[in-house]
PDB file of N, CA and C in Angstrom:
ATOM      1  N   VAL A   1     101.545 135.519 169.080  1.00  0.00           N
ATOM      2  CA  VAL A   1     102.334 136.722 168.850  1.00  0.00           C
ATOM      3  C   VAL A   1     102.867 137.208 170.198  1.00  0.00           C
ATOM      4  N   GLN A   2     104.136 137.517 170.210  1.00  0.00           N
ATOM      5  CA  GLN A   2     104.755 138.050 171.430  1.00  0.00           C
ATOM      6  C   GLN A   2     105.512 139.328 171.091  1.00  0.00           C
ATOM      7  N   LEU A   3     105.268 140.366 171.882  1.00  0.00           N
ATOM      8  CA  LEU A   3     106.007 141.616 171.767  1.00  0.00           C
ATOM      9  C   LEU A   3     106.832 141.770 173.029  1.00  0.00           C
ATOM     10  N   GLN A   4     108.136 141.782 172.874  1.00  0.00           N
ATOM     11  CA  GLN A   4     109.056 141.833 174.009  1.00  0.00           C
ATOM     12  C   GLN A   4     109.722 143.197 174.070  1.00  0.00           C
ATOM     13  N   ALA A   5     109.341 143.981 175.081  1.00  0.00           N
ATOM     14  CA  ALA A   5     109.911 145.316 175.257  1.00  0.00           C
ATOM     15  C   ALA A   5     111.094 145.261 176.203  1.00  0.00           C
ATOM     16  N   SER A   6     112.074 146.107 175.935  1.00  0.00           N
ATOM     17  CA  SER A   6     113.264 146.175 176.794  1.00  0.00           C
ATOM     18  C   SER A   6     113.876 147.557 176.690  1.00  0.00           C
ATOM     19  N   GLY A   7     114.863 147.812 177.568  1.00  0.00           N
ATOM     20  CA  GLY A   7     115.595 149.060 177.500  1.00  0.00           C
ATOM     21  C   GLY A   7     115.258 150.075 178.577  1.00  0.00           C
ATOM     22  N   GLY A   8     114.264 149.776 179.392  1.00  0.00           N
ATOM     23  CA  GLY A   8     113.916 150.698 180.461  1.00  0.00           C
ATOM     24  C   GLY A   8     114.986 150.737 181.541  1.00  0.00           C
ATOM     25  N   GLY A   9     114.856 151.698 182.439  1.00  0.00           N
ATOM     26  CA  GLY A   9     115.802 151.817 183.527  1.00  0.00           C
ATOM     27  C   GLY A   9     115.660 153.142 184.238  1.00  0.00           C
ATOM     28  N   LEU A  10     116.633 153.430 185.071  1.00  0.00           N
ATOM     29  CA  LEU A  10     116.659 154.668 185.846  1.00  0.00           C
ATOM     30  C   LEU A  10     117.631 155.647 185.196  1.00  0.00           C
ATOM     31  N   VAL A  11     117.169 156.861 184.985  1.00  0.00           N
ATOM     32  CA  VAL A  11     117.996 157.873 184.340  1.00  0.00           C
ATOM     33  C   VAL A  11     117.702 159.213 184.989  1.00  0.00           C
ATOM     34  N   GLN A  12     118.692 160.083 184.988  1.00  0.00           N
ATOM     35  CA  GLN A  12     118.484 161.424 185.533  1.00  0.00           C
ATOM     36  C   GLN A  12     117.767 162.303 184.515  1.00  0.00           C
ATOM     37  N   ALA A  13     117.105 163.303 185.014  1.00  0.00           N
ATOM     38  CA  ALA A  13     116.429 164.262 184.138  1.00  0.00           C
ATOM     39  C   ALA A  13     117.438 164.844 183.145  1.00  0.00           C
ATOM     40  N   GLY A  14     116.998 164.950 181.902  1.00  0.00           N
ATOM     41  CA  GLY A  14     117.870 165.430 180.836  1.00  0.00           C
ATOM     42  C   GLY A  14     118.597 164.322 180.113  1.00  0.00           C
ATOM     43  N   GLY A  15     118.540 163.122 180.652  1.00  0.00           N
ATOM     44  CA  GLY A  15     119.230 161.993 180.057  1.00  0.00           C
ATOM     45  C   GLY A  15     118.452 161.342 178.927  1.00  0.00           C
ATOM     46  N   SER A  16     119.002 160.234 178.443  1.00  0.00           N
ATOM     47  CA  SER A  16     118.414 159.534 177.297  1.00  0.00           C
ATOM     48  C   SER A  16     118.319 158.038 177.567  1.00  0.00           C
ATOM     49  N   LEU A  17     117.350 157.428 176.920  1.00  0.00           N
ATOM     50  CA  LEU A  17     117.201 155.974 176.900  1.00  0.00           C
ATOM     51  C   LEU A  17     116.673 155.577 175.533  1.00  0.00           C
ATOM     52  N   ARG A  18     116.974 154.342 175.134  1.00  0.00           N
ATOM     53  CA  ARG A  18     116.367 153.812 173.921  1.00  0.00           C
ATOM     54  C   ARG A  18     115.656 152.512 174.265  1.00  0.00           C
ATOM     55  N   LEU A  19     114.362 152.495 174.000  1.00  0.00           N
ATOM     56  CA  LEU A  19     113.560 151.302 174.205  1.00  0.00           C
ATOM     57  C   LEU A  19     113.500 150.495 172.909  1.00  0.00           C
ATOM     58  N   SER A  20     113.417 149.189 173.070  1.00  0.00           N
ATOM     59  CA  SER A  20     113.266 148.292 171.930  1.00  0.00           C
ATOM     60  C   SER A  20     112.064 147.386 172.165  1.00  0.00           C
ATOM     61  N   CYS A  21     111.452 146.976 171.083  1.00  0.00           N
ATOM     62  CA  CYS A  21     110.335 146.033 171.160  1.00  0.00           C
ATOM     63  C   CYS A  21     110.475 145.087 169.978  1.00  0.00           C
ATOM     64  N   THR A  22     110.685 143.816 170.272  1.00  0.00           N
ATOM     65  CA  THR A  22     110.879 142.818 169.234  1.00  0.00           C
ATOM     66  C   THR A  22     109.676 141.890 169.169  1.00  0.00           C
ATOM     67  N   ALA A  23     109.193 141.686 167.959  1.00  0.00           N
ATOM     68  CA  ALA A  23     108.011 140.854 167.745  1.00  0.00           C
ATOM     69  C   ALA A  23     108.406 139.458 167.297  1.00  0.00           C
ATOM     70  N   SER A  24     107.654 138.491 167.746  1.00  0.00           N
ATOM     71  CA  SER A  24     107.869 137.112 167.319  1.00  0.00           C
ATOM     72  C   SER A  24     106.524 136.421 167.202  1.00  0.00           C
ATOM     73  N   GLY A  25     106.515 135.337 166.441  1.00  0.00           N
ATOM     74  CA  GLY A  25     105.280 134.603 166.231  1.00  0.00           C
ATOM     75  C   GLY A  25     105.134 134.256 164.766  1.00  0.00           C
ATOM     76  N   ARG A  26     104.860 132.990 164.492  1.00  0.00           N
ATOM     77  CA  ARG A  26     104.837 132.509 163.108  1.00  0.00           C
ATOM     78  C   ARG A  26     103.781 133.197 162.272  1.00  0.00           C
ATOM     79  N   THR A  27     102.664 133.589 162.889  1.00  0.00           N
ATOM     80  CA  THR A  27     101.564 134.150 162.113  1.00  0.00           C
ATOM     81  C   THR A  27     101.599 135.667 162.045  1.00  0.00           C
ATOM     82  N   PHE A  28     102.614 136.281 162.624  1.00  0.00           N
ATOM     83  CA  PHE A  28     102.674 137.734 162.692  1.00  0.00           C
ATOM     84  C   PHE A  28     103.748 138.247 161.749  1.00  0.00           C
ATOM     85  N   SER A  29     103.324 138.938 160.697  1.00  0.00           N
ATOM     86  CA  SER A  29     104.257 139.527 159.747  1.00  0.00           C
ATOM     87  C   SER A  29     104.517 140.963 160.170  1.00  0.00           C
ATOM     88  N   PHE A  30     105.579 141.153 160.924  1.00  0.00           N
ATOM     89  CA  PHE A  30     105.878 142.452 161.537  1.00  0.00           C
ATOM     90  C   PHE A  30     105.874 143.582 160.524  1.00  0.00           C
ATOM     91  N   SER A  31     106.444 143.367 159.359  1.00  0.00           N
ATOM     92  CA  SER A  31     106.578 144.438 158.377  1.00  0.00           C
ATOM     93  C   SER A  31     105.248 144.873 157.777  1.00  0.00           C
ATOM     94  N   ASN A  32     104.179 144.152 158.066  1.00  0.00           N
ATOM     95  CA  ASN A  32     102.861 144.521 157.558  1.00  0.00           C
ATOM     96  C   ASN A  32     102.105 145.464 158.495  1.00  0.00           C
ATOM     97  N   TYR A  33     102.637 145.644 159.702  1.00  0.00           N
ATOM     98  CA  TYR A  33     101.895 146.356 160.738  1.00  0.00           C
ATOM     99  C   TYR A  33     102.579 147.645 161.163  1.00  0.00           C
ATOM    100  N   GLY A  34     101.748 148.715 161.301  1.00  0.00           N
ATOM    101  CA  GLY A  34     102.241 149.852 162.042  1.00  0.00           C
ATOM    102  C   GLY A  34     102.489 149.427 163.475  1.00  0.00           C
ATOM    103  N   MET A  35     103.266 150.215 164.197  1.00  0.00           N
ATOM    104  CA  MET A  35     103.561 149.919 165.598  1.00  0.00           C
ATOM    105  C   MET A  35     103.453 151.195 166.408  1.00  0.00           C
ATOM    106  N   ALA A  36     103.245 151.032 167.698  1.00  0.00           N
ATOM    107  CA  ALA A  36     103.101 152.203 168.558  1.00  0.00           C
ATOM    108  C   ALA A  36     103.680 151.932 169.932  1.00  0.00           C
ATOM    109  N   TRP A  37     103.943 153.027 170.629  1.00  0.00           N
ATOM    110  CA  TRP A  37     104.319 152.985 172.036  1.00  0.00           C
ATOM    111  C   TRP A  37     103.266 153.744 172.838  1.00  0.00           C
ATOM    112  N   PHE A  38     102.913 153.174 173.949  1.00  0.00           N
ATOM    113  CA  PHE A  38     102.056 153.808 174.939  1.00  0.00           C
ATOM    114  C   PHE A  38     102.802 153.809 176.268  1.00  0.00           C
ATOM    115  N   ARG A  39     102.291 154.562 177.218  1.00  0.00           N
ATOM    116  CA  ARG A  39     102.895 154.538 178.552  1.00  0.00           C
ATOM    117  C   ARG A  39     101.819 154.726 179.615  1.00  0.00           C
ATOM    118  N   GLN A  40     102.123 154.229 180.805  1.00  0.00           N
ATOM    119  CA  GLN A  40     101.212 154.375 181.929  1.00  0.00           C
ATOM    120  C   GLN A  40     102.014 154.788 183.158  1.00  0.00           C
ATOM    121  N   ALA A  41     101.753 155.999 183.605  1.00  0.00           N
ATOM    122  CA  ALA A  41     102.408 156.521 184.804  1.00  0.00           C
ATOM    123  C   ALA A  41     101.662 156.030 186.042  1.00  0.00           C
ATOM    124  N   PRO A  42     102.321 156.012 187.180  1.00  0.00           N
ATOM    125  CA  PRO A  42     101.670 155.553 188.415  1.00  0.00           C
ATOM    126  C   PRO A  42     100.402 156.336 188.704  1.00  0.00           C
ATOM    127  N   GLY A  43      99.309 155.637 188.904  1.00  0.00           N
ATOM    128  CA  GLY A  43      98.050 156.275 189.241  1.00  0.00           C
ATOM    129  C   GLY A  43      97.338 156.941 188.091  1.00  0.00           C
ATOM    130  N   LYS A  44      97.831 156.748 186.877  1.00  0.00           N
ATOM    131  CA  LYS A  44      97.220 157.394 185.713  1.00  0.00           C
ATOM    132  C   LYS A  44      96.815 156.358 184.682  1.00  0.00           C
ATOM    133  N   GLU A  45      95.981 156.775 183.754  1.00  0.00           N
ATOM    134  CA  GLU A  45      95.570 155.898 182.670  1.00  0.00           C
ATOM    135  C   GLU A  45      96.690 155.793 181.626  1.00  0.00           C
ATOM    136  N   ARG A  46      96.650 154.712 180.887  1.00  0.00           N
ATOM    137  CA  ARG A  46      97.628 154.534 179.822  1.00  0.00           C
ATOM    138  C   ARG A  46      97.377 155.569 178.731  1.00  0.00           C
ATOM    139  N   GLU A  47      98.457 156.104 178.172  1.00  0.00           N
ATOM    140  CA  GLU A  47      98.331 157.131 177.146  1.00  0.00           C
ATOM    141  C   GLU A  47      99.247 156.828 175.967  1.00  0.00           C
ATOM    142  N   PHE A  48      98.844 157.352 174.838  1.00  0.00           N
ATOM    143  CA  PHE A  48      99.593 157.189 173.602  1.00  0.00           C
ATOM    144  C   PHE A  48     100.872 158.019 173.644  1.00  0.00           C
ATOM    145  N   VAL A  49     101.963 157.473 173.073  1.00  0.00           N
ATOM    146  CA  VAL A  49     103.230 158.183 173.003  1.00  0.00           C
ATOM    147  C   VAL A  49     103.627 158.456 171.556  1.00  0.00           C
ATOM    148  N   ALA A  50     103.722 157.398 170.741  1.00  0.00           N
ATOM    149  CA  ALA A  50     104.206 157.565 169.371  1.00  0.00           C
ATOM    150  C   ALA A  50     103.789 156.366 168.543  1.00  0.00           C
ATOM    151  N   ALA A  51     103.710 156.570 167.227  1.00  0.00           N
ATOM    152  CA  ALA A  51     103.375 155.484 166.313  1.00  0.00           C
ATOM    153  C   ALA A  51     104.145 155.649 165.020  1.00  0.00           C
ATOM    154  N   ILE A  52     104.303 154.533 164.319  1.00  0.00           N
ATOM    155  CA  ILE A  52     105.030 154.543 163.049  1.00  0.00           C
ATOM    156  C   ILE A  52     104.314 153.654 162.053  1.00  0.00           C
ATOM    157  N   ARG A  53     104.289 154.085 160.817  1.00  0.00           N
ATOM    158  CA  ARG A  53     103.646 153.333 159.765  1.00  0.00           C
ATOM    159  C   ARG A  53     104.404 152.053 159.478  1.00  0.00           C
ATOM    160  N   TRP A  54     103.741 151.084 158.865  1.00  0.00           N
ATOM    161  CA  TRP A  54     104.326 149.772 158.608  1.00  0.00           C
ATOM    162  C   TRP A  54     105.631 149.854 157.823  1.00  0.00           C
ATOM    163  N   ASN A  55     105.749 150.845 156.939  1.00  0.00           N
ATOM    164  CA  ASN A  55     106.967 150.960 156.125  1.00  0.00           C
ATOM    165  C   ASN A  55     107.969 151.947 156.719  1.00  0.00           C
ATOM    166  N   GLY A  56     107.639 152.531 157.855  1.00  0.00           N
ATOM    167  CA  GLY A  56     108.558 153.448 158.523  1.00  0.00           C
ATOM    168  C   GLY A  56     108.584 154.851 157.966  1.00  0.00           C
ATOM    169  N   PHE A  57     107.787 155.137 156.961  1.00  0.00           N
ATOM    170  CA  PHE A  57     107.870 156.428 156.287  1.00  0.00           C
ATOM    171  C   PHE A  57     107.135 157.552 157.021  1.00  0.00           C
ATOM    172  N   ASN A  58     106.227 157.223 157.884  1.00  0.00           N
ATOM    173  CA  ASN A  58     105.448 158.242 158.583  1.00  0.00           C
ATOM    174  C   ASN A  58     105.390 157.931 160.066  1.00  0.00           C
ATOM    175  N   THR A  59     105.398 158.994 160.853  1.00  0.00           N
ATOM    176  CA  THR A  59     105.327 158.855 162.303  1.00  0.00           C
ATOM    177  C   THR A  59     104.324 159.840 162.880  1.00  0.00           C
ATOM    178  N   TYR A  60     103.971 159.599 164.129  1.00  0.00           N
ATOM    179  CA  TYR A  60     102.964 160.432 164.794  1.00  0.00           C
ATOM    180  C   TYR A  60     103.309 160.438 166.278  1.00  0.00           C
ATOM    181  N   TYR A  61     103.276 161.622 166.901  1.00  0.00           N
ATOM    182  CA  TYR A  61     103.689 161.748 168.292  1.00  0.00           C
ATOM    183  C   TYR A  61     102.654 162.479 169.130  1.00  0.00           C
ATOM    184  N   ALA A  62     102.608 162.101 170.387  1.00  0.00           N
ATOM    185  CA  ALA A  62     101.836 162.890 171.334  1.00  0.00           C
ATOM    186  C   ALA A  62     102.543 164.218 171.555  1.00  0.00           C
ATOM    187  N   ASP A  63     101.785 165.261 171.824  1.00  0.00           N
ATOM    188  CA  ASP A  63     102.373 166.586 172.014  1.00  0.00           C
ATOM    189  C   ASP A  63     103.401 166.598 173.142  1.00  0.00           C
ATOM    190  N   ALA A  64     103.175 165.788 174.161  1.00  0.00           N
ATOM    191  CA  ALA A  64     104.046 165.801 175.333  1.00  0.00           C
ATOM    192  C   ALA A  64     105.472 165.336 175.028  1.00  0.00           C
ATOM    193  N   VAL A  65     105.641 164.577 173.948  1.00  0.00           N
ATOM    194  CA  VAL A  65     106.969 164.022 173.648  1.00  0.00           C
ATOM    195  C   VAL A  65     107.534 164.529 172.329  1.00  0.00           C
ATOM    196  N   LYS A  66     106.761 165.283 171.597  1.00  0.00           N
ATOM    197  CA  LYS A  66     107.190 165.756 170.280  1.00  0.00           C
ATOM    198  C   LYS A  66     108.468 166.577 170.410  1.00  0.00           C
ATOM    199  N   GLY A  67     109.442 166.269 169.554  1.00  0.00           N
ATOM    200  CA  GLY A  67     110.710 166.977 169.594  1.00  0.00           C
ATOM    201  C   GLY A  67     111.727 166.361 170.530  1.00  0.00           C
ATOM    202  N   ARG A  68     111.289 165.447 171.395  1.00  0.00           N
ATOM    203  CA  ARG A  68     112.217 164.787 172.332  1.00  0.00           C
ATOM    204  C   ARG A  68     112.339 163.289 172.055  1.00  0.00           C
ATOM    205  N   PHE A  69     111.265 162.670 171.622  1.00  0.00           N
ATOM    206  CA  PHE A  69     111.256 161.228 171.368  1.00  0.00           C
ATOM    207  C   PHE A  69     111.226 160.976 169.865  1.00  0.00           C
ATOM    208  N   THR A  70     111.839 159.857 169.457  1.00  0.00           N
ATOM    209  CA  THR A  70     111.826 159.456 168.056  1.00  0.00           C
ATOM    210  C   THR A  70     111.516 157.972 167.969  1.00  0.00           C
ATOM    211  N   ILE A  71     110.481 157.644 167.206  1.00  0.00           N
ATOM    212  CA  ILE A  71     110.139 156.249 166.962  1.00  0.00           C
ATOM    213  C   ILE A  71     110.732 155.835 165.621  1.00  0.00           C
ATOM    214  N   SER A  72     111.243 154.617 165.578  1.00  0.00           N
ATOM    215  CA  SER A  72     111.808 154.084 164.337  1.00  0.00           C
ATOM    216  C   SER A  72     111.619 152.569 164.340  1.00  0.00           C
ATOM    217  N   ARG A  73     111.925 151.951 163.217  1.00  0.00           N
ATOM    218  CA  ARG A  73     111.759 150.495 163.139  1.00  0.00           C
ATOM    219  C   ARG A  73     112.784 149.906 162.198  1.00  0.00           C
ATOM    220  N   ASP A  74     113.079 148.632 162.432  1.00  0.00           N
ATOM    221  CA  ASP A  74     113.935 147.849 161.558  1.00  0.00           C
ATOM    222  C   ASP A  74     113.150 146.586 161.225  1.00  0.00           C
ATOM    223  N   ASN A  75     112.542 146.548 160.064  1.00  0.00           N
ATOM    224  CA  ASN A  75     111.692 145.407 159.707  1.00  0.00           C
ATOM    225  C   ASN A  75     112.494 144.119 159.538  1.00  0.00           C
ATOM    226  N   ALA A  76     113.761 144.233 159.201  1.00  0.00           N
ATOM    227  CA  ALA A  76     114.596 143.039 159.076  1.00  0.00           C
ATOM    228  C   ALA A  76     114.828 142.383 160.430  1.00  0.00           C
ATOM    229  N   LYS A  77     114.717 143.161 161.501  1.00  0.00           N
ATOM    230  CA  LYS A  77     114.922 142.645 162.856  1.00  0.00           C
ATOM    231  C   LYS A  77     113.620 142.512 163.630  1.00  0.00           C
ATOM    232  N   ASN A  78     112.492 142.786 162.970  1.00  0.00           N
ATOM    233  CA  ASN A  78     111.187 142.722 163.643  1.00  0.00           C
ATOM    234  C   ASN A  78     111.158 143.570 164.913  1.00  0.00           C
ATOM    235  N   THR A  79     111.768 144.724 164.848  1.00  0.00           N
ATOM    236  CA  THR A  79     111.950 145.536 166.049  1.00  0.00           C
ATOM    237  C   THR A  79     111.542 146.985 165.799  1.00  0.00           C
ATOM    238  N   VAL A  80     110.871 147.549 166.787  1.00  0.00           N
ATOM    239  CA  VAL A  80     110.550 148.963 166.805  1.00  0.00           C
ATOM    240  C   VAL A  80     111.275 149.588 167.988  1.00  0.00           C
ATOM    241  N   TYR A  81     111.720 150.831 167.810  1.00  0.00           N
ATOM    242  CA  TYR A  81     112.507 151.521 168.826  1.00  0.00           C
ATOM    243  C   TYR A  81     111.815 152.814 169.258  1.00  0.00           C
ATOM    244  N   LEU A  82     112.167 153.244 170.440  1.00  0.00           N
ATOM    245  CA  LEU A  82     111.762 154.564 170.907  1.00  0.00           C
ATOM    246  C   LEU A  82     112.986 155.214 171.545  1.00  0.00           C
ATOM    247  N   GLN A  83     113.554 156.173 170.826  1.00  0.00           N
ATOM    248  CA  GLN A  83     114.680 156.934 171.354  1.00  0.00           C
ATOM    249  C   GLN A  83     114.116 158.101 172.160  1.00  0.00           C
ATOM    250  N   MET A  84     114.487 158.159 173.425  1.00  0.00           N
ATOM    251  CA  MET A  84     113.950 159.185 174.320  1.00  0.00           C
ATOM    252  C   MET A  84     115.086 160.074 174.795  1.00  0.00           C
ATOM    253  N   ASN A  85     115.038 161.323 174.399  1.00  0.00           N
ATOM    254  CA  ASN A  85     116.041 162.307 174.795  1.00  0.00           C
ATOM    255  C   ASN A  85     115.387 163.388 175.652  1.00  0.00           C
ATOM    256  N   GLY A  86     116.197 164.111 176.390  1.00  0.00           N
ATOM    257  CA  GLY A  86     115.654 165.182 177.214  1.00  0.00           C
ATOM    258  C   GLY A  86     114.600 164.697 178.181  1.00  0.00           C
ATOM    259  N   LEU A  87     114.842 163.571 178.809  1.00  0.00           N
ATOM    260  CA  LEU A  87     113.824 162.972 179.676  1.00  0.00           C
ATOM    261  C   LEU A  87     113.515 163.855 180.874  1.00  0.00           C
ATOM    262  N   LYS A  88     112.249 163.840 181.257  1.00  0.00           N
ATOM    263  CA  LYS A  88     111.752 164.627 182.375  1.00  0.00           C
ATOM    264  C   LYS A  88     111.146 163.683 183.413  1.00  0.00           C
ATOM    265  N   PRO A  89     111.068 164.111 184.662  1.00  0.00           N
ATOM    266  CA  PRO A  89     110.443 163.245 185.679  1.00  0.00           C
ATOM    267  C   PRO A  89     109.029 162.810 185.289  1.00  0.00           C
ATOM    268  N   GLU A  90     108.300 163.656 184.583  1.00  0.00           N
ATOM    269  CA  GLU A  90     106.941 163.290 184.178  1.00  0.00           C
ATOM    270  C   GLU A  90     106.900 162.233 183.085  1.00  0.00           C
ATOM    271  N   ASP A  91     108.049 161.856 182.549  1.00  0.00           N
ATOM    272  CA  ASP A  91     108.104 160.747 181.601  1.00  0.00           C
ATOM    273  C   ASP A  91     108.173 159.394 182.313  1.00  0.00           C
ATOM    274  N   THR A  92     108.297 159.413 183.630  1.00  0.00           N
ATOM    275  CA  THR A  92     108.335 158.172 184.397  1.00  0.00           C
ATOM    276  C   THR A  92     107.047 157.386 184.183  1.00  0.00           C
ATOM    277  N   ALA A  93     107.193 156.139 183.736  1.00  0.00           N
ATOM    278  CA  ALA A  93     106.034 155.313 183.420  1.00  0.00           C
ATOM    279  C   ALA A  93     106.495 153.923 182.991  1.00  0.00           C
ATOM    280  N   VAL A  94     105.548 153.028 182.902  1.00  0.00           N
ATOM    281  CA  VAL A  94     105.779 151.760 182.219  1.00  0.00           C
ATOM    282  C   VAL A  94     105.428 151.983 180.749  1.00  0.00           C
ATOM    283  N   TYR A  95     106.354 151.637 179.880  1.00  0.00           N
ATOM    284  CA  TYR A  95     106.173 151.849 178.447  1.00  0.00           C
ATOM    285  C   TYR A  95     105.827 150.519 177.777  1.00  0.00           C
ATOM    286  N   TYR A  96     104.779 150.572 176.955  1.00  0.00           N
ATOM    287  CA  TYR A  96     104.282 149.389 176.254  1.00  0.00           C
ATOM    288  C   TYR A  96     104.364 149.593 174.752  1.00  0.00           C
ATOM    289  N   CYS A  97     104.775 148.560 174.046  1.00  0.00           N
ATOM    290  CA  CYS A  97     104.652 148.588 172.595  1.00  0.00           C
ATOM    291  C   CYS A  97     103.370 147.847 172.207  1.00  0.00           C
ATOM    292  N   ALA A  98     102.842 148.198 171.044  1.00  0.00           N
ATOM    293  CA  ALA A  98     101.574 147.618 170.628  1.00  0.00           C
ATOM    294  C   ALA A  98     101.488 147.571 169.112  1.00  0.00           C
ATOM    295  N   ALA A  99     100.744 146.598 168.629  1.00  0.00           N
ATOM    296  CA  ALA A  99     100.490 146.468 167.191  1.00  0.00           C
ATOM    297  C   ALA A  99      98.986 146.518 166.958  1.00  0.00           C
ATOM    298  N   PRO A 100      98.555 147.201 165.905  1.00  0.00           N
ATOM    299  CA  PRO A 100      97.126 147.374 165.675  1.00  0.00           C
ATOM    300  C   PRO A 100      96.483 146.147 165.038  1.00  0.00           C
ATOM    301  N   TYR A 101      95.167 146.144 165.013  1.00  0.00           N
ATOM    302  CA  TYR A 101      94.432 145.081 164.340  1.00  0.00           C
ATOM    303  C   TYR A 101      94.686 145.082 162.840  1.00  0.00           C
ATOM    304  N   VAL A 102      94.803 146.282 162.262  1.00  0.00           N
ATOM    305  CA  VAL A 102      94.795 146.433 160.806  1.00  0.00           C
ATOM    306  C   VAL A 102      96.213 146.422 160.253  1.00  0.00           C
ATOM    307  N   GLN A 103      96.410 145.637 159.214  1.00  0.00           N
ATOM    308  CA  GLN A 103      97.692 145.638 158.517  1.00  0.00           C
ATOM    309  C   GLN A 103      97.750 146.792 157.514  1.00  0.00           C
ATOM    310  N   TYR A 104      98.956 147.181 157.198  1.00  0.00           N
ATOM    311  CA  TYR A 104      99.215 148.252 156.225  1.00  0.00           C
ATOM    312  C   TYR A 104      98.484 149.528 156.646  1.00  0.00           C
ATOM    313  N   GLY A 105      97.954 150.268 155.746  1.00  0.00           N
ATOM    314  CA  GLY A 105      97.252 151.509 156.063  1.00  0.00           C
ATOM    315  C   GLY A 105      98.216 152.616 156.452  1.00  0.00           C
ATOM    316  N   GLY A 106      97.664 153.670 157.028  1.00  0.00           N
ATOM    317  CA  GLY A 106      98.451 154.808 157.448  1.00  0.00           C
ATOM    318  C   GLY A 106      99.069 154.595 158.804  1.00  0.00           C
ATOM    319  N   VAL A 107      99.550 155.682 159.398  1.00  0.00           N
ATOM    320  CA  VAL A 107     100.128 155.594 160.730  1.00  0.00           C
ATOM    321  C   VAL A 107      99.022 155.244 161.726  1.00  0.00           C
ATOM    322  N   PRO A 108      99.259 154.290 162.609  1.00  0.00           N
ATOM    323  CA  PRO A 108      98.217 153.987 163.606  1.00  0.00           C
ATOM    324  C   PRO A 108      97.936 155.203 164.484  1.00  0.00           C
ATOM    325  N   GLY A 109      96.721 155.276 164.987  1.00  0.00           N
ATOM    326  CA  GLY A 109      96.344 156.396 165.833  1.00  0.00           C
ATOM    327  C   GLY A 109      96.594 156.116 167.299  1.00  0.00           C
ATOM    328  N   GLY A 110      96.032 156.966 168.138  1.00  0.00           N
ATOM    329  CA  GLY A 110      96.287 156.897 169.570  1.00  0.00           C
ATOM    330  C   GLY A 110      95.228 156.202 170.387  1.00  0.00           C
ATOM    331  N   ARG A 111      94.294 155.527 169.765  1.00  0.00           N
ATOM    332  CA  ARG A 111      93.222 154.865 170.511  1.00  0.00           C
ATOM    333  C   ARG A 111      93.628 153.444 170.879  1.00  0.00           C
ATOM    334  N   GLU A 112      93.583 153.131 172.141  1.00  0.00           N
ATOM    335  CA  GLU A 112      93.978 151.797 172.596  1.00  0.00           C
ATOM    336  C   GLU A 112      93.147 150.705 171.951  1.00  0.00           C
ATOM    337  N   ASN A 113      91.882 150.968 171.718  1.00  0.00           N
ATOM    338  CA  ASN A 113      90.997 149.938 171.163  1.00  0.00           C
ATOM    339  C   ASN A 113      91.375 149.528 169.748  1.00  0.00           C
ATOM    340  N   ASP A 114      92.243 150.288 169.105  1.00  0.00           N
ATOM    341  CA  ASP A 114      92.682 149.950 167.752  1.00  0.00           C
ATOM    342  C   ASP A 114      93.818 148.933 167.753  1.00  0.00           C
ATOM    343  N   TYR A 115      94.297 148.571 168.943  1.00  0.00           N
ATOM    344  CA  TYR A 115      95.482 147.721 169.043  1.00  0.00           C
ATOM    345  C   TYR A 115      95.111 146.350 169.596  1.00  0.00           C
ATOM    346  N   SER A 116      95.643 145.328 168.953  1.00  0.00           N
ATOM    347  CA  SER A 116      95.291 143.968 169.342  1.00  0.00           C
ATOM    348  C   SER A 116      96.398 143.258 170.095  1.00  0.00           C
ATOM    349  N   TYR A 117      97.643 143.633 169.863  1.00  0.00           N
ATOM    350  CA  TYR A 117      98.771 142.958 170.503  1.00  0.00           C
ATOM    351  C   TYR A 117      99.529 143.967 171.366  1.00  0.00           C
ATOM    352  N   TRP A 118      99.891 143.514 172.572  1.00  0.00           N
ATOM    353  CA  TRP A 118     100.580 144.386 173.525  1.00  0.00           C
ATOM    354  C   TRP A 118     101.780 143.663 174.123  1.00  0.00           C
ATOM    355  N   GLY A 119     102.859 144.422 174.301  1.00  0.00           N
ATOM    356  CA  GLY A 119     104.011 143.886 175.007  1.00  0.00           C
ATOM    357  C   GLY A 119     103.792 143.935 176.509  1.00  0.00           C
ATOM    358  N   GLN A 120     104.762 143.430 177.250  1.00  0.00           N
ATOM    359  CA  GLN A 120     104.608 143.314 178.697  1.00  0.00           C
ATOM    360  C   GLN A 120     104.974 144.604 179.432  1.00  0.00           C
ATOM    361  N   GLY A 121     105.606 145.530 178.760  1.00  0.00           N
ATOM    362  CA  GLY A 121     105.971 146.795 179.381  1.00  0.00           C
ATOM    363  C   GLY A 121     107.383 146.802 179.922  1.00  0.00           C
ATOM    364  N   THR A 122     107.990 147.968 179.890  1.00  0.00           N
ATOM    365  CA  THR A 122     109.315 148.168 180.469  1.00  0.00           C
ATOM    366  C   THR A 122     109.289 149.484 181.245  1.00  0.00           C
ATOM    367  N   LEU A 123     109.834 149.481 182.446  1.00  0.00           N
ATOM    368  CA  LEU A 123     109.726 150.619 183.341  1.00  0.00           C
ATOM    369  C   LEU A 123     110.830 151.638 183.087  1.00  0.00           C
ATOM    370  N   VAL A 124     110.422 152.877 182.920  1.00  0.00           N
ATOM    371  CA  VAL A 124     111.346 154.004 182.797  1.00  0.00           C
ATOM    372  C   VAL A 124     111.132 154.918 183.998  1.00  0.00           C
ATOM    373  N   THR A 125     112.205 155.178 184.718  1.00  0.00           N
ATOM    374  CA  THR A 125     112.138 156.061 185.879  1.00  0.00           C
ATOM    375  C   THR A 125     113.118 157.204 185.673  1.00  0.00           C
ATOM    376  N   VAL A 126     112.602 158.428 185.733  1.00  0.00           N
ATOM    377  CA  VAL A 126     113.428 159.611 185.538  1.00  0.00           C
ATOM    378  C   VAL A 126     113.500 160.365 186.851  1.00  0.00           C
ATOM    379  N   SER A 127     114.693 160.499 187.372  1.00  0.00           N
ATOM    380  CA  SER A 127     114.876 161.195 188.650  1.00  0.00           C
ATOM    381  C   SER A 127     115.180 162.667 188.411  1.00  0.00           C
ATOM    382  N   SER A 128     114.743 163.494 189.350  1.00  0.00           N
ATOM    383  CA  SER A 128     114.956 164.940 189.203  1.00  0.00           C
ATOM    384  C   SER A 128     116.260 165.378 189.832  1.00  0.00           C
TER     385      SER A 128
END
């Protein structure tokens, strides 16, 4: 299973970016899994950002990004997105997509130990 994240870059505060994460692998049925985004800022631990249920009907956000970020998915393209608006310098981090161990179920939670597959990360830098 491979999760390929892309879309990071340098943006000014108040700007927007859209991250994408595309899954591949013969044994991985993307549409069966909830997906999530995490991020790790320089010198800090990785933290949960957002998650979406396998069918896209439910989402869950960290308080720090609620109202500014939107997670979505296109199961036909095996891709999950993170639309980031109103970016702040404190959003600067490497962003990772992840898939949980469990198929179906509700929206995945924010615990890293619940996730079995991780992308390589994409760097987002927000300048002030």
